[in-house]
């Protein structure tokens, strides 16, 4: 039954993205089905958003992303891939019919969830154009290297947490070494996977990127004297692997241009691994090691000395960073911290931005008791929001309205300040993996003060984020013009400028005949 449901979801999505011939690549991350399209104009955005299983859609300049939520996306994606392959195999299969056009909006000035969705889509399109800069596209490529690693990071992180709990309680001591090996195996070789993905992303041979990156974790590097410096296995970590694989791609491409075809199969891989490997051993490992150590030192000092202020800034600015596409730069930093310390202290603070978003959405829900369509949108998106999937609330509610996006940032800043304060007091903690947020982050938390204190501080941060986001939005998030335009049912005739006290409101076909003015949404 579950397989049928996932296949039905995939089958509903496929024609709305232009059919199988419009798709050039398929992938998925923690929450999103990511597809590359030949013709963007064939996608039916509104019909996609209307599907019950779809929580939202996002564009970042390199792929079209359909938000399905954690768990669901990992099940729908294989079904979607299978449908695409089946359709391509059946060359005579008819193209999917276009979805019927949506009915015209009722002749009223009442603003509904559909109006907000359209406004959110326009904002996303404008942001997409602004984000299509070389630097931001480069950050997207860096993110593409690390996103496929997230499921393994999560699985190993949860096992590491379970192993720590068993160790502290003294339970099942015979199982502890086995769990330690399972949890640590991936992290000990993560540089190899980063090198493989880096070469793949930058147009090289993936296995050559992995081969060069494997040098970093090889135990024998401890015997090498690099200009008087002793190397250690793993020195440089994921940053070194990233740099080594990028270098390998450039060496490989140079060889492809200059090595004769008859010798290419022998000479190119040999020179790629040899040249890149020597540069890695005698330069990149040391430089990347220093950079990794600096990142860890800065992050720990930031919370140890900055405390509440650092948390306030990080929690308050994360949503704008997401909008600008700059949050991708944090992924290698998170991974480096996990590799060094076992967890990233930054992620729990940044997760507070989602808490502020949830609080803001709940406030909008209660401030607009008569807008059934918008309340239904918020109600359906809140479960995903509590689990850290914020796109439906951001693009469907807060960002189109304007002020609630700002007040959501205020809630995130308050939650971040709360967590940062406890970090300054010596109770710092972090996440053993990247990807999850909100309530989904609880199983991945680890810290110096023990599990009970760590969980309590994180839960307190979430509650502060919810509460401050709610209060700021309830009292300051909606203007009088927005309340007048939004707090009505769809069939309620609006007041017009010709209405006067003592006169009945205008009725009939002329009343409210104009569509909603989008400018009122953010004023």
Protein backbone atom coordinates (compact mmCIF):
# COMPACT_ATOMS: atom_id res chain seq x y z
CA UNK A 1 0.00 0.00 0.00
CA UNK A 2 2.85 2.38 0.88
CA UNK A 3 4.59 1.63 -2.42
CA UNK A 4 1.36 2.32 -4.29
CA UNK A 5 1.02 5.65 -2.49
CA UNK A 6 4.60 6.68 -3.33
CA UNK A 7 4.19 5.62 -6.94
CA UNK A 8 0.92 7.54 -7.16
CA UNK A 9 2.69 10.65 -5.86
CA UNK A 10 5.47 10.23 -8.42
CA UNK A 11 2.93 9.66 -11.18
CA UNK A 12 1.08 12.83 -10.20
CA UNK A 13 4.28 14.90 -10.22
CA UNK A 14 5.72 13.66 -13.53
CA UNK A 15 3.26 15.25 -15.98
CA UNK A 16 3.29 18.51 -14.01
CA UNK A 17 7.03 18.96 -14.59
CA UNK A 18 6.76 18.50 -18.35
CA UNK A 19 6.90 14.72 -18.59
CA UNK A 20 9.92 12.41 -18.84
CA UNK A 21 11.40 14.11 -21.90
CA UNK A 22 11.73 17.37 -19.96
CA UNK A 23 13.92 15.87 -17.23
CA UNK A 24 17.70 15.68 -17.55
CA UNK A 25 18.68 14.54 -14.04
CA UNK A 26 17.06 13.34 -10.82
CA UNK A 27 18.39 13.45 -7.26
CA UNK A 28 17.12 14.08 -3.76
CA UNK A 29 18.34 15.49 -0.46
CA UNK A 30 16.79 15.25 3.00
CA UNK A 31 13.46 16.79 2.06
CA UNK A 32 13.43 17.66 -1.65
CA UNK A 33 13.17 15.89 -4.98
CA UNK A 34 15.70 17.76 -7.15
CA UNK A 35 15.32 17.64 -10.92
CA UNK A 36 17.02 19.43 -13.78
CA UNK A 37 14.73 20.55 -16.59
CA UNK A 38 15.12 21.16 -20.31
CA UNK A 39 12.26 23.65 -20.49
CA UNK A 40 11.21 25.43 -17.31
CA UNK A 41 8.07 26.83 -18.95
CA UNK A 42 6.50 23.34 -19.09
CA UNK A 43 6.26 23.12 -15.29
CA UNK A 44 2.82 23.71 -13.78
CA UNK A 45 3.77 25.28 -10.46
CA UNK A 46 0.31 25.84 -9.04
CA UNK A 47 -0.86 22.33 -9.88
CA UNK A 48 2.25 20.93 -8.18
CA UNK A 49 1.62 22.94 -5.04
CA UNK A 50 -1.95 21.68 -4.99
CA UNK A 51 -0.85 18.03 -4.71
CA UNK A 52 -1.44 16.77 -1.15
CA UNK A 53 2.04 15.22 -0.89
CA UNK A 54 3.87 18.36 -2.06
CA UNK A 55 4.85 20.77 0.71
CA UNK A 56 6.26 23.41 -1.63
CA UNK A 57 8.55 24.07 -4.57
CA UNK A 58 11.91 25.86 -4.62
CA UNK A 59 14.25 27.03 -7.37
CA UNK A 60 17.90 27.81 -6.77
CA UNK A 61 19.20 28.43 -10.30
CA UNK A 62 20.58 24.92 -10.87
CA UNK A 63 17.61 22.64 -10.18
CA UNK A 64 13.87 22.58 -9.64
CA UNK A 65 13.15 21.26 -6.15
CA UNK A 66 9.89 19.73 -4.96
CA UNK A 67 9.58 19.63 -1.17
CA UNK A 68 8.14 16.28 -0.07
CA UNK A 69 9.47 16.14 3.47
CA UNK A 70 11.90 13.83 5.31
CA UNK A 71 11.28 10.15 4.75
CA UNK A 72 8.77 10.65 1.96
CA UNK A 73 11.32 11.99 -0.53
CA UNK A 74 13.53 8.90 -0.17
CA UNK A 75 10.57 6.72 -1.09
CA UNK A 76 9.05 8.81 -3.85
CA UNK A 77 12.32 9.47 -5.71
CA UNK A 78 12.97 5.82 -6.76
CA UNK A 79 9.38 5.55 -7.97
CA UNK A 80 9.80 8.80 -9.90
CA UNK A 81 13.03 7.55 -11.48
CA UNK A 82 11.36 4.28 -12.41
CA UNK A 83 8.46 6.08 -14.08
CA UNK A 84 10.83 8.26 -16.09
CA UNK A 85 12.83 5.24 -17.25
CA UNK A 86 9.68 3.30 -18.14
CA UNK A 87 8.32 6.21 -20.15
CA UNK A 88 11.60 6.63 -22.03
CA UNK A 89 11.76 2.93 -22.75
CA UNK A 90 8.29 3.06 -24.23
CA UNK A 91 9.15 5.43 -27.06
CA UNK A 92 5.60 5.43 -28.37
CA UNK A 93 4.05 6.42 -25.04
CA UNK A 94 1.81 9.49 -25.44
CA UNK A 95 2.85 12.65 -23.68
CA UNK A 96 1.06 13.49 -20.47
CA UNK A 97 -1.94 15.76 -20.97
CA UNK A 98 -1.71 19.22 -19.55
CA UNK A 99 -3.52 19.76 -16.30
CA UNK A 100 -6.77 21.69 -16.63
CA UNK A 101 -6.45 25.39 -16.11
CA UNK A 102 -7.27 26.57 -12.63
CA UNK A 103 -10.64 28.29 -12.32
CA UNK A 104 -10.59 32.03 -12.30
CA UNK A 105 -10.31 33.65 -8.91
CA UNK A 106 -13.60 34.81 -7.49
CA UNK A 107 -14.44 38.42 -8.17
CA UNK A 108 -13.49 39.69 -4.75
CA UNK A 109 -10.70 41.62 -3.12
CA UNK A 110 -10.30 39.03 -0.37
CA UNK A 111 -6.70 37.77 -0.36
CA UNK A 112 -6.38 33.99 -0.03
CA UNK A 113 -3.61 31.45 0.31
CA UNK A 114 -3.44 31.25 -3.49
CA UNK A 115 -2.67 34.96 -3.65
CA UNK A 116 0.13 34.51 -1.12
CA UNK A 117 1.45 31.50 -3.02
CA UNK A 118 1.56 33.55 -6.22
CA UNK A 119 3.34 36.35 -4.39
CA UNK A 120 5.79 33.85 -2.92
CA UNK A 121 6.45 32.40 -6.37
CA UNK A 122 7.18 35.86 -7.72
CA UNK A 123 9.57 36.55 -4.87
CA UNK A 124 11.33 33.23 -5.44
CA UNK A 125 11.72 33.98 -9.15
CA UNK A 126 13.21 37.38 -8.38
CA UNK A 127 15.52 35.88 -5.77
CA UNK A 128 16.56 33.17 -8.21
CA UNK A 129 17.69 35.81 -10.69
CA UNK A 130 19.65 37.63 -7.99
CA UNK A 131 21.24 34.39 -6.79
CA UNK A 132 22.50 33.37 -10.24
CA UNK A 133 25.92 34.90 -9.60
CA UNK A 134 29.16 32.94 -10.16
CA UNK A 135 29.95 32.92 -6.44
CA UNK A 136 26.52 31.63 -5.40
CA UNK A 137 26.48 29.04 -8.16
CA UNK A 138 29.88 27.90 -6.90
CA UNK A 139 28.43 27.55 -3.40
CA UNK A 140 25.62 25.48 -4.86
CA UNK A 141 28.19 23.14 -6.41
CA UNK A 142 29.92 22.82 -3.05
CA UNK A 143 26.57 21.96 -1.47
CA UNK A 144 25.98 19.30 -4.16
CA UNK A 145 29.16 17.59 -2.97
CA UNK A 146 28.05 17.29 0.64
CA UNK A 147 24.27 16.83 0.38
CA UNK A 148 24.53 13.17 -0.79
CA UNK A 149 26.54 12.43 2.37
CA UNK A 150 23.81 13.60 4.75
CA UNK A 151 21.93 10.26 5.10
CA UNK A 152 25.14 8.50 6.18
CA UNK A 153 25.99 11.35 8.57
CA UNK A 154 22.55 11.09 10.15
CA UNK A 155 22.60 7.30 10.48
CA UNK A 156 26.11 7.19 11.93
CA UNK A 157 25.36 10.17 14.17
CA UNK A 158 22.32 8.48 15.73
CA UNK A 159 24.29 5.26 16.23
CA UNK A 160 27.09 7.25 17.89
CA UNK A 161 24.55 8.85 20.23
CA UNK A 162 23.08 5.45 21.09
CA UNK A 163 26.57 4.09 21.72
CA UNK A 164 27.36 6.99 24.04
CA UNK A 165 24.14 6.39 25.97
CA UNK A 166 24.93 2.68 26.40
CA UNK A 167 28.48 3.56 27.51
CA UNK A 168 27.28 6.06 30.13
CA UNK A 169 24.67 3.66 31.49
CA UNK A 170 26.99 0.66 31.42
CA UNK A 171 24.51 -1.40 29.43
CA UNK A 172 25.41 -4.15 26.97
CA UNK A 173 29.19 -3.55 27.16
CA UNK A 174 29.88 -6.24 24.57
CA UNK A 175 27.91 -4.29 21.98
CA UNK A 176 29.64 -0.95 22.56
CA UNK A 177 32.80 -1.65 20.48
CA UNK A 178 30.69 -2.88 17.58
CA UNK A 179 28.51 0.23 17.62
CA UNK A 180 31.62 2.40 17.84
CA UNK A 181 33.03 0.76 14.73
CA UNK A 182 29.75 1.18 12.85
CA UNK A 183 29.41 4.82 13.85
CA UNK A 184 33.03 5.75 13.14
CA UNK A 185 33.68 3.83 9.94
CA UNK A 186 32.06 6.36 7.64
CA UNK A 187 33.61 9.36 9.34
CA UNK A 188 37.08 7.82 9.10
CA UNK A 189 36.69 7.65 5.31
CA UNK A 190 34.51 10.70 4.67
CA UNK A 191 37.39 12.39 2.83
CA UNK A 192 37.23 9.66 0.17
CA UNK A 193 33.53 10.25 -0.43
CA UNK A 194 34.06 14.01 -0.58
CA UNK A 195 36.81 13.53 -3.16
CA UNK A 196 34.60 11.22 -5.23
CA UNK A 197 31.66 13.65 -5.23
CA UNK A 198 33.91 16.64 -5.90
CA UNK A 199 35.38 15.12 -9.04
CA UNK A 200 31.89 14.15 -10.19
CA UNK A 201 30.52 17.66 -9.60
CA UNK A 202 33.39 19.44 -11.36
CA UNK A 203 33.43 17.22 -14.43
CA UNK A 204 36.24 14.78 -13.66
CA UNK A 205 36.38 11.02 -13.20
CA UNK A 206 34.84 10.39 -9.76
CA UNK A 207 37.00 7.43 -8.81
CA UNK A 208 40.18 9.43 -9.49
CA UNK A 209 38.97 12.15 -7.14
CA UNK A 210 38.31 9.49 -4.51
CA UNK A 211 41.73 7.92 -5.08
CA UNK A 212 43.54 11.22 -4.52
CA UNK A 213 41.45 12.05 -1.44
CA UNK A 214 42.17 8.59 -0.01
CA UNK A 215 45.80 9.63 0.39
CA UNK A 216 44.73 11.98 3.19
CA UNK A 217 43.36 9.18 5.40
CA UNK A 218 46.05 6.59 4.57
CA UNK A 219 47.90 5.68 7.81
CA UNK A 220 51.25 5.61 6.00
CA UNK A 221 51.32 9.41 5.59
CA UNK A 222 52.65 9.54 9.17
CA UNK A 223 56.02 8.33 7.81
CA UNK A 224 56.33 11.22 5.32
CA UNK A 225 58.47 14.25 6.07
CA UNK A 226 56.88 17.18 4.19
CA UNK A 227 59.51 19.94 4.30
CA UNK A 228 60.23 19.18 7.93
CA UNK A 229 56.58 18.86 8.91
CA UNK A 230 55.16 15.60 10.18
CA UNK A 231 51.88 14.63 8.60
CA UNK A 232 49.05 12.87 10.39
CA UNK A 233 46.43 10.61 8.83
CA UNK A 234 43.30 12.64 8.20
CA UNK A 235 45.13 15.99 8.39
CA UNK A 236 43.21 18.53 6.32
CA UNK A 237 40.03 16.46 6.46
CA UNK A 238 37.21 17.25 4.09
CA UNK A 239 38.70 20.59 3.07
CA UNK A 240 41.90 18.88 1.99
CA UNK A 241 39.92 16.23 0.12
CA UNK A 242 37.89 18.94 -1.61
CA UNK A 243 41.00 20.84 -2.70
CA UNK A 244 42.82 17.66 -3.78
CA UNK A 245 39.92 16.46 -5.90
CA UNK A 246 39.49 19.86 -7.59
CA UNK A 247 43.18 19.80 -8.44
CA UNK A 248 42.83 16.25 -9.78
CA UNK A 249 39.99 17.36 -12.07
CA UNK A 250 42.13 20.14 -13.54
CA UNK A 251 45.10 17.80 -14.04
CA UNK A 252 42.86 15.21 -15.67
CA UNK A 253 41.31 17.74 -18.05
CA UNK A 254 44.78 19.01 -19.00
CA UNK A 255 45.89 15.44 -19.74
CA UNK A 256 42.78 14.78 -21.85
CA UNK A 257 43.73 17.72 -24.05
CA UNK A 258 47.40 16.90 -24.53
CA UNK A 259 47.87 13.13 -24.14
CA UNK A 260 47.41 11.14 -27.39
CA UNK A 261 44.31 8.98 -27.45
CA UNK A 262 46.34 5.79 -27.80
CA UNK A 263 48.06 6.52 -24.46
CA UNK A 264 45.20 8.23 -22.67
CA UNK A 265 43.93 5.17 -20.80
CA UNK A 266 47.36 4.63 -19.23
CA UNK A 267 48.91 8.08 -18.94
CA UNK A 268 45.97 10.26 -17.86
CA UNK A 269 44.94 8.42 -14.67
CA UNK A 270 48.58 7.87 -13.72
CA UNK A 271 49.55 11.54 -14.05
CA UNK A 272 46.31 12.66 -12.39
CA UNK A 273 46.89 10.59 -9.25
CA UNK A 274 50.66 11.19 -9.19
CA UNK A 275 50.70 14.97 -9.63
CA UNK A 276 47.65 15.61 -7.46
CA UNK A 277 48.88 13.18 -4.82
CA UNK A 278 52.30 14.84 -4.53
CA UNK A 279 50.79 18.30 -4.26
CA UNK A 280 48.36 17.00 -1.65
CA UNK A 281 51.09 15.45 0.47
CA UNK A 282 53.57 18.29 0.26
CA UNK A 283 51.17 21.23 0.43
CA UNK A 284 47.44 20.78 0.57
CA UNK A 285 47.29 18.54 3.65
CA UNK A 286 49.18 21.07 5.76
CA UNK A 287 47.29 24.11 4.46
CA UNK A 288 43.89 22.44 4.76
CA UNK A 289 44.81 21.19 8.22
CA UNK A 290 45.58 24.72 9.36
CA UNK A 291 42.32 25.98 7.84
CA UNK A 292 40.31 23.22 9.53
CA UNK A 293 41.91 23.92 12.88
CA UNK A 294 41.18 27.63 12.49
CA UNK A 295 37.52 26.90 11.73
CA UNK A 296 37.17 24.77 14.85
CA UNK A 297 38.95 27.32 17.03
CA UNK A 298 36.85 30.22 15.71
CA UNK A 299 33.56 28.37 16.17
CA UNK A 300 34.35 27.36 19.74
CA UNK A 301 35.68 30.80 20.69
CA UNK A 302 32.69 32.45 19.07
CA UNK A 303 30.32 30.75 21.48
CA UNK A 304 32.68 30.73 24.44
CA UNK A 305 33.18 34.50 24.31
CA UNK A 306 30.31 35.79 22.16
CA UNK A 307 27.65 33.69 23.84
CA UNK A 308 24.19 35.18 23.63
CA UNK A 309 25.20 37.90 21.16
CA UNK A 310 26.77 35.40 18.75
CA UNK A 311 23.67 33.21 19.00
CA UNK A 312 21.41 36.20 18.42
CA UNK A 313 23.26 37.17 15.24
CA UNK A 314 23.48 33.62 13.87
CA UNK A 315 19.87 32.73 14.68
CA UNK A 316 18.52 36.02 13.39
CA UNK A 317 20.42 36.09 10.11
CA UNK A 318 20.08 32.48 9.02
CA UNK A 319 16.77 32.90 7.16
CA UNK A 320 18.14 35.86 5.15
CA UNK A 321 21.26 33.79 4.39
CA UNK A 322 18.99 31.07 3.04
CA UNK A 323 17.16 33.60 0.88
CA UNK A 324 20.48 34.87 -0.50
CA UNK A 325 21.79 31.36 -1.11
CA UNK A 326 24.80 31.97 1.16
CA UNK A 327 23.92 29.24 3.67
CA UNK A 328 25.56 26.71 1.34
CA UNK A 329 28.96 28.00 2.50
CA UNK A 330 28.22 26.60 5.98
CA UNK A 331 28.01 22.97 4.86
CA UNK A 332 31.79 22.34 4.64
CA UNK A 333 32.18 24.18 7.96
CA UNK A 334 29.61 21.92 9.65
CA UNK A 335 31.29 18.83 8.22
CA UNK A 336 34.72 20.01 9.34
CA UNK A 337 33.48 20.60 12.89
CA UNK A 338 31.84 17.17 13.01
CA UNK A 339 35.06 15.61 11.77
CA UNK A 340 37.13 17.41 14.41
CA UNK A 341 34.91 17.57 17.50
CA UNK A 342 32.26 14.95 16.79
CA UNK A 343 29.52 17.57 16.41
CA UNK A 344 28.88 21.03 14.98
CA UNK A 345 28.05 23.66 17.58
CA UNK A 346 26.56 25.95 14.94
CA UNK A 347 23.62 23.85 13.75
CA UNK A 348 21.49 23.94 16.94
CA UNK A 349 21.74 27.74 16.96
CA UNK A 350 20.86 28.04 13.27
CA UNK A 351 17.92 25.67 13.84
CA UNK A 352 16.34 28.38 16.00
CA UNK A 353 15.51 30.27 12.79
CA UNK A 354 13.00 27.53 12.03
CA UNK A 355 11.49 27.88 15.50
CA UNK A 356 10.92 31.60 14.92
CA UNK A 357 9.30 30.75 11.59
CA UNK A 358 6.89 28.31 13.24
CA UNK A 359 5.97 30.84 15.95
CA UNK A 360 5.33 33.51 13.32
CA UNK A 361 3.08 31.18 11.32
CA UNK A 362 1.02 30.27 14.39
CA UNK A 363 0.56 33.98 15.13
CA UNK A 364 -0.69 34.62 11.58
CA UNK A 365 -3.08 31.69 12.01
CA UNK A 366 -4.66 33.26 15.10
CA UNK A 367 -4.63 36.82 13.75
CA UNK A 368 -6.66 35.82 10.70
CA UNK A 369 -9.51 33.71 12.07
CA UNK A 370 -11.75 34.27 9.04
CA UNK A 371 -9.30 33.48 6.22
CA UNK A 372 -10.01 29.78 5.82
CA UNK A 373 -7.68 29.13 2.89
CA UNK A 374 -4.62 30.70 4.51
CA UNK A 375 -5.32 29.00 7.84
CA UNK A 376 -5.59 25.66 6.02
CA UNK A 377 -2.22 26.29 4.37
CA UNK A 378 -0.59 27.07 7.71
CA UNK A 379 -2.22 24.11 9.43
CA UNK A 380 -1.00 21.69 6.77
CA UNK A 381 2.55 23.12 6.76
CA UNK A 382 3.08 23.32 10.53
CA UNK A 383 3.92 19.62 11.09
CA UNK A 384 6.73 19.88 8.56
CA UNK A 385 7.80 23.18 10.16
CA UNK A 386 8.12 21.55 13.58
CA UNK A 387 10.40 18.95 11.96
CA UNK A 388 12.59 21.64 10.44
CA UNK A 389 11.15 21.79 6.91
CA UNK A 390 10.45 25.49 6.58
CA UNK A 391 9.96 26.10 2.88
CA UNK A 392 6.14 25.79 2.83
CA UNK A 393 5.79 28.35 5.63
CA UNK A 394 8.45 30.68 4.24
CA UNK A 395 7.23 30.81 0.65
CA UNK A 396 3.55 30.27 1.39
CA UNK A 397 3.09 32.59 4.37
CA UNK A 398 5.81 34.75 5.90
CA UNK A 399 7.84 35.92 2.93
CA UNK A 400 4.88 37.06 0.78
CA UNK A 401 3.47 38.94 3.78
CA UNK A 402 6.80 40.69 4.43
CA UNK A 403 6.64 41.64 8.09
CA UNK A 404 6.12 38.08 9.39
CA UNK A 405 9.40 37.11 7.74
CA UNK A 406 11.15 39.82 9.77
CA UNK A 407 9.40 38.86 13.00
CA UNK A 408 10.27 35.20 12.34
CA UNK A 409 13.92 36.30 12.23
CA UNK A 410 13.38 38.03 15.58
CA UNK A 411 12.15 34.75 17.04
CA UNK A 412 15.15 32.92 15.59
CA UNK A 413 17.48 35.53 17.09
CA UNK A 414 15.91 35.07 20.53
CA UNK A 415 16.20 31.28 20.38
CA UNK A 416 19.78 31.55 19.15
CA UNK A 417 20.66 33.94 21.98
CA UNK A 418 19.22 31.46 24.50
CA UNK A 419 21.32 28.56 23.19
CA UNK A 420 24.39 30.77 22.80
CA UNK A 421 24.13 31.94 26.40
CA UNK A 422 24.33 28.39 27.71
CA UNK A 423 27.26 27.75 25.42
CA UNK A 424 29.06 30.67 27.04
CA UNK A 425 28.27 29.18 30.44
CA UNK A 426 30.13 26.01 29.51
CA UNK A 427 27.16 23.93 28.37
CA UNK A 428 27.95 23.94 24.68
CA UNK A 429 26.60 21.16 22.51
CA UNK A 430 26.07 20.40 18.87
CA UNK A 431 24.66 18.08 16.25
CA UNK A 432 26.51 14.95 15.19
CA UNK A 433 25.12 15.29 11.65
CA UNK A 434 23.77 17.93 9.31
CA UNK A 435 20.43 18.02 7.54
CA UNK A 436 17.71 17.67 10.18
CA UNK A 437 16.43 20.59 12.21
CA UNK A 438 13.62 21.36 14.62
CA UNK A 439 12.37 18.34 16.57
CA UNK A 440 14.20 16.00 14.19
CA UNK A 441 17.52 17.23 15.63
CA UNK A 442 16.93 15.82 19.14
CA UNK A 443 18.38 12.31 18.42
CA UNK A 444 21.55 13.87 16.99
CA UNK A 445 22.48 16.17 19.88
CA UNK A 446 25.66 15.69 21.87
CA UNK A 447 27.44 17.94 24.35
CA UNK A 448 29.74 18.36 27.31
CA UNK A 449 27.06 18.70 29.98
CA UNK A 450 25.33 15.36 29.44
CA UNK A 451 22.26 14.28 27.52
CA UNK A 452 19.64 15.66 29.93
CA UNK A 453 21.07 19.19 30.03
CA UNK A 454 21.76 19.20 26.28
CA UNK A 455 18.21 18.19 25.41
CA UNK A 456 16.75 20.65 27.93
CA UNK A 457 18.74 23.61 26.59
CA UNK A 458 17.85 22.82 22.99
CA UNK A 459 14.17 22.38 23.89
CA UNK A 460 14.31 25.68 25.77
CA UNK A 461 15.77 27.39 22.74
CA UNK A 462 12.97 26.06 20.56
CA UNK A 463 10.34 27.24 23.02
CA UNK A 464 11.90 30.70 23.17
CA UNK A 465 11.99 30.84 19.37
CA UNK A 466 8.34 29.76 19.12
CA UNK A 467 7.20 32.22 21.80
CA UNK A 468 9.14 35.29 20.63
CA UNK A 469 8.29 34.60 16.99
CA UNK A 470 4.62 34.33 17.96
CA UNK A 471 4.55 37.48 20.10
CA UNK A 472 6.52 39.62 17.62
CA UNK A 473 4.28 38.55 14.75
CA UNK A 474 1.01 38.76 16.68
CA UNK A 475 1.58 42.36 17.71
CA UNK A 476 3.82 43.72 14.93
CA UNK A 477 3.68 41.26 12.02
CA UNK A 478 0.56 42.44 10.21
CA UNK A 479 -0.37 46.00 9.32
CA UNK A 480 -3.91 47.37 9.47
CA UNK A 481 -4.13 47.21 5.68
CA UNK A 482 -3.10 43.54 5.70
CA UNK A 483 -5.59 42.68 8.40
CA UNK A 484 -8.37 44.40 6.47
CA UNK A 485 -7.45 42.59 3.25
CA UNK A 486 -6.72 39.16 4.74
CA UNK A 487 -9.07 38.64 7.68
CA UNK A 488 -12.17 37.79 5.66
CA UNK A 489 -13.66 34.65 4.28
CA UNK A 490 -13.54 34.29 0.51
CA UNK A 491 -17.29 34.82 0.11
CA UNK A 492 -17.43 37.89 2.38
CA UNK A 493 -17.87 41.17 0.45
CA UNK A 494 -15.14 43.66 1.35
CA UNK A 495 -15.69 47.20 2.50
CA UNK A 496 -15.03 49.74 -0.24
CA UNK A 497 -13.98 53.34 -0.27
CA UNK A 498 -17.60 54.46 -1.01
CA UNK A 499 -18.98 52.84 2.13
CA UNK A 500 -19.86 55.31 4.86
CA UNK A 501 -21.18 54.92 8.40
CA UNK A 502 -24.91 54.60 8.32
CA UNK A 503 -24.91 53.25 4.76
CA UNK A 504 -25.14 49.54 3.92
CA UNK A 505 -22.04 48.09 2.26
CA UNK A 506 -22.07 47.81 -1.51
CA UNK A 507 -23.40 44.54 -2.86
CA UNK A 508 -24.05 42.96 -6.19
CA UNK A 509 -21.77 42.23 -9.14
CA UNK A 510 -19.92 45.53 -8.88
CA UNK A 511 -18.89 45.00 -5.29
CA UNK A 512 -15.36 43.68 -4.94
CA UNK A 513 -15.20 42.95 -8.65
CA UNK A 514 -11.48 43.68 -8.86
CA UNK A 515 -8.89 41.03 -8.05
CA UNK A 516 -6.77 41.39 -4.95
CA UNK A 517 -4.02 43.95 -5.13
CA UNK A 518 -0.72 42.17 -4.40
CA UNK A 519 0.83 45.38 -3.07
CA UNK A 520 -1.26 45.13 0.08
CA UNK A 521 0.42 41.87 1.02
CA UNK A 522 3.62 43.51 2.21
CA UNK A 523 2.29 46.84 3.47
